[in-house]
Amino acid sequence: MTENTQQEQLPIGAPLAVVKSKTISKKAGWWQAVVLVDGWGRKMINIYLWQKKKEGWKRKQKFSIHNTKRWEEIAEAVNEFLPEL
């Protein structure tokens, strides 16, 4: 996992402003990152998956976390299934 630098431009457009980001993986034409963004008057955490196309990186999936309570519910559900991996 690597923290993105200013040189590495994330394919995220206005009105969202990137506050911080960490790339989870970037290989074989796929890029996955966790991004703290500021937009529409609030901050949120988005998990993105982009695919490389001829015209550049195109978003395939996005998952947003808007508050701590929701994240705790998601994390609890995921942790419940982790022993099955």
C-alpha atoms as a PDB file:
ATOM      1  CA  MET A   1       0.000   0.000   0.000  1.00  0.00           C
ATOM      2  CA  THR A   2       1.428   3.368  -0.948  1.00  0.00           C
ATOM      3  CA  GLU A   3       0.401   6.901  -0.160  1.00  0.00           C
ATOM      4  CA  ASN A   4      -0.137   8.837  -3.368  1.00  0.00           C
ATOM      5  CA  THR A   5       2.090  11.797  -4.079  1.00  0.00           C
ATOM      6  CA  GLN A   6       1.134  15.022  -5.768  1.00  0.00           C
ATOM      7  CA  GLN A   7       2.802  13.734  -8.988  1.00  0.00           C
ATOM      8  CA  GLU A   8       0.382  10.841  -9.234  1.00  0.00           C
ATOM      9  CA  GLN A   9      -2.883  12.419 -10.382  1.00  0.00           C
ATOM     10  CA  LEU A  10      -5.947  10.486  -9.256  1.00  0.00           C
ATOM     11  CA  PRO A  11      -8.698  10.329 -11.896  1.00  0.00           C
ATOM     12  CA  ILE A  12     -11.198  12.208  -9.712  1.00  0.00           C
ATOM     13  CA  GLY A  13     -12.873  15.341 -10.991  1.00  0.00           C
ATOM     14  CA  ALA A  14     -14.664  18.355  -9.589  1.00  0.00           C
ATOM     15  CA  PRO A  15     -16.546  18.995  -7.422  1.00  0.00           C
ATOM     16  CA  LEU A  16     -14.589  16.466  -5.335  1.00  0.00           C
ATOM     17  CA  ALA A  17     -11.238  17.607  -3.935  1.00  0.00           C
ATOM     18  CA  VAL A  18      -8.736  14.964  -2.848  1.00  0.00           C
ATOM     19  CA  VAL A  19      -7.546  15.509   0.734  1.00  0.00           C
ATOM     20  CA  LYS A  20      -5.452  12.294   1.062  1.00  0.00           C
ATOM     21  CA  SER A  21      -5.192   8.981  -0.708  1.00  0.00           C
ATOM     22  CA  LYS A  22      -3.559   5.583  -0.500  1.00  0.00           C
ATOM     23  CA  THR A  23      -3.176   3.226  -3.424  1.00  0.00           C
ATOM     24  CA  ILE A  24      -4.031  -0.346  -2.467  1.00  0.00           C
ATOM     25  CA  SER A  25      -2.877  -1.828  -5.778  1.00  0.00           C
ATOM     26  CA  LYS A  26      -2.040  -0.644  -9.262  1.00  0.00           C
ATOM     27  CA  LYS A  27      -1.206  -3.411 -11.729  1.00  0.00           C
ATOM     28  CA  ALA A  28      -2.395  -5.199 -14.849  1.00  0.00           C
ATOM     29  CA  GLY A  29      -4.549  -2.245 -15.916  1.00  0.00           C
ATOM     30  CA  TRP A  30      -6.401  -1.921 -12.598  1.00  0.00           C
ATOM     31  CA  TRP A  31      -5.981   0.721  -9.881  1.00  0.00           C
ATOM     32  CA  GLN A  32      -7.587   0.503  -6.444  1.00  0.00           C
ATOM     33  CA  ALA A  33      -7.303   3.331  -3.900  1.00  0.00           C
ATOM     34  CA  VAL A  34      -8.836   4.647  -0.688  1.00  0.00           C
ATOM     35  CA  VAL A  35      -9.399   8.395  -0.953  1.00  0.00           C
ATOM     36  CA  LEU A  36     -10.469  11.029   1.575  1.00  0.00           C
ATOM     37  CA  VAL A  37     -12.376  13.621  -0.435  1.00  0.00           C
ATOM     38  CA  ASP A  38     -14.067  16.914   0.315  1.00  0.00           C
ATOM     39  CA  GLY A  39     -17.159  17.701  -1.693  1.00  0.00           C
ATOM     40  CA  TRP A  40     -20.673  19.032  -1.387  1.00  0.00           C
ATOM     41  CA  GLY A  41     -19.805  20.625   1.961  1.00  0.00           C
ATOM     42  CA  ARG A  42     -18.583  17.458   3.718  1.00  0.00           C
ATOM     43  CA  LYS A  43     -15.765  14.948   3.827  1.00  0.00           C
ATOM     44  CA  MET A  44     -16.156  11.279   2.963  1.00  0.00           C
ATOM     45  CA  ILE A  45     -13.985   8.264   2.329  1.00  0.00           C
ATOM     46  CA  ASN A  46     -14.339   6.620  -1.075  1.00  0.00           C
ATOM     47  CA  ILE A  47     -12.900   3.326  -2.206  1.00  0.00           C
ATOM     48  CA  TYR A  48     -12.303   3.446  -5.948  1.00  0.00           C
ATOM     49  CA  LEU A  49     -11.539   0.854  -8.605  1.00  0.00           C
ATOM     50  CA  TRP A  50     -10.424   2.196 -11.986  1.00  0.00           C
ATOM     51  CA  GLN A  51      -9.598   0.334 -15.193  1.00  0.00           C
ATOM     52  CA  LYS A  52      -7.033   1.585 -17.711  1.00  0.00           C
ATOM     53  CA  LYS A  53      -8.543   2.232 -21.143  1.00  0.00           C
ATOM     54  CA  LYS A  54      -7.054   3.777 -24.282  1.00  0.00           C
ATOM     55  CA  GLU A  55      -8.364   7.193 -23.238  1.00  0.00           C
ATOM     56  CA  GLY A  56      -7.077   6.880 -19.643  1.00  0.00           C
ATOM     57  CA  TRP A  57      -8.312   5.619 -16.281  1.00  0.00           C
ATOM     58  CA  LYS A  58     -12.076   5.022 -16.100  1.00  0.00           C
ATOM     59  CA  ARG A  59     -13.960   4.401 -12.857  1.00  0.00           C
ATOM     60  CA  LYS A  60     -15.482   0.942 -12.609  1.00  0.00           C
ATOM     61  CA  GLN A  61     -16.618   1.018  -8.976  1.00  0.00           C
ATOM     62  CA  LYS A  62     -16.897   3.449  -6.076  1.00  0.00           C
ATOM     63  CA  PHE A  63     -17.945   2.784  -2.496  1.00  0.00           C
ATOM     64  CA  SER A  64     -18.517   5.726  -0.126  1.00  0.00           C
ATOM     65  CA  ILE A  65     -18.345   5.906   3.655  1.00  0.00           C
ATOM     66  CA  HIS A  66     -20.065   8.998   5.002  1.00  0.00           C
ATOM     67  CA  ASN A  67     -19.792   8.573   8.774  1.00  0.00           C
ATOM     68  CA  THR A  68     -18.127   6.581  11.533  1.00  0.00           C
ATOM     69  CA  LYS A  69     -21.296   4.751  12.579  1.00  0.00           C
ATOM     70  CA  ARG A  70     -21.841   3.337   9.104  1.00  0.00           C
ATOM     71  CA  TRP A  71     -18.169   2.275   8.893  1.00  0.00           C
ATOM     72  CA  GLU A  72     -18.446   0.461  12.239  1.00  0.00           C
ATOM     73  CA  GLU A  73     -21.467  -1.470  10.933  1.00  0.00           C
ATOM     74  CA  ILE A  74     -19.608  -2.414   7.738  1.00  0.00           C
ATOM     75  CA  ALA A  75     -16.422  -3.373   9.607  1.00  0.00           C
ATOM     76  CA  GLU A  76     -18.360  -5.537  12.050  1.00  0.00           C
ATOM     77  CA  ALA A  77     -20.033  -7.437   9.205  1.00  0.00           C
ATOM     78  CA  VAL A  78     -16.717  -7.913   7.340  1.00  0.00           C
ATOM     79  CA  ASN A  79     -14.912  -9.052  10.501  1.00  0.00           C
ATOM     80  CA  GLU A  80     -17.614 -11.648  11.037  1.00  0.00           C
ATOM     81  CA  PHE A  81     -16.753 -13.250   7.660  1.00  0.00           C
ATOM     82  CA  LEU A  82     -12.930 -12.942   7.835  1.00  0.00           C
ATOM     83  CA  PRO A  83     -12.407 -16.304   9.585  1.00  0.00           C
ATOM     84  CA  GLU A  84     -13.987 -17.960   6.521  1.00  0.00           C
ATOM     85  CA  LEU A  85     -11.149 -16.811   4.219  1.00  0.00           C
END
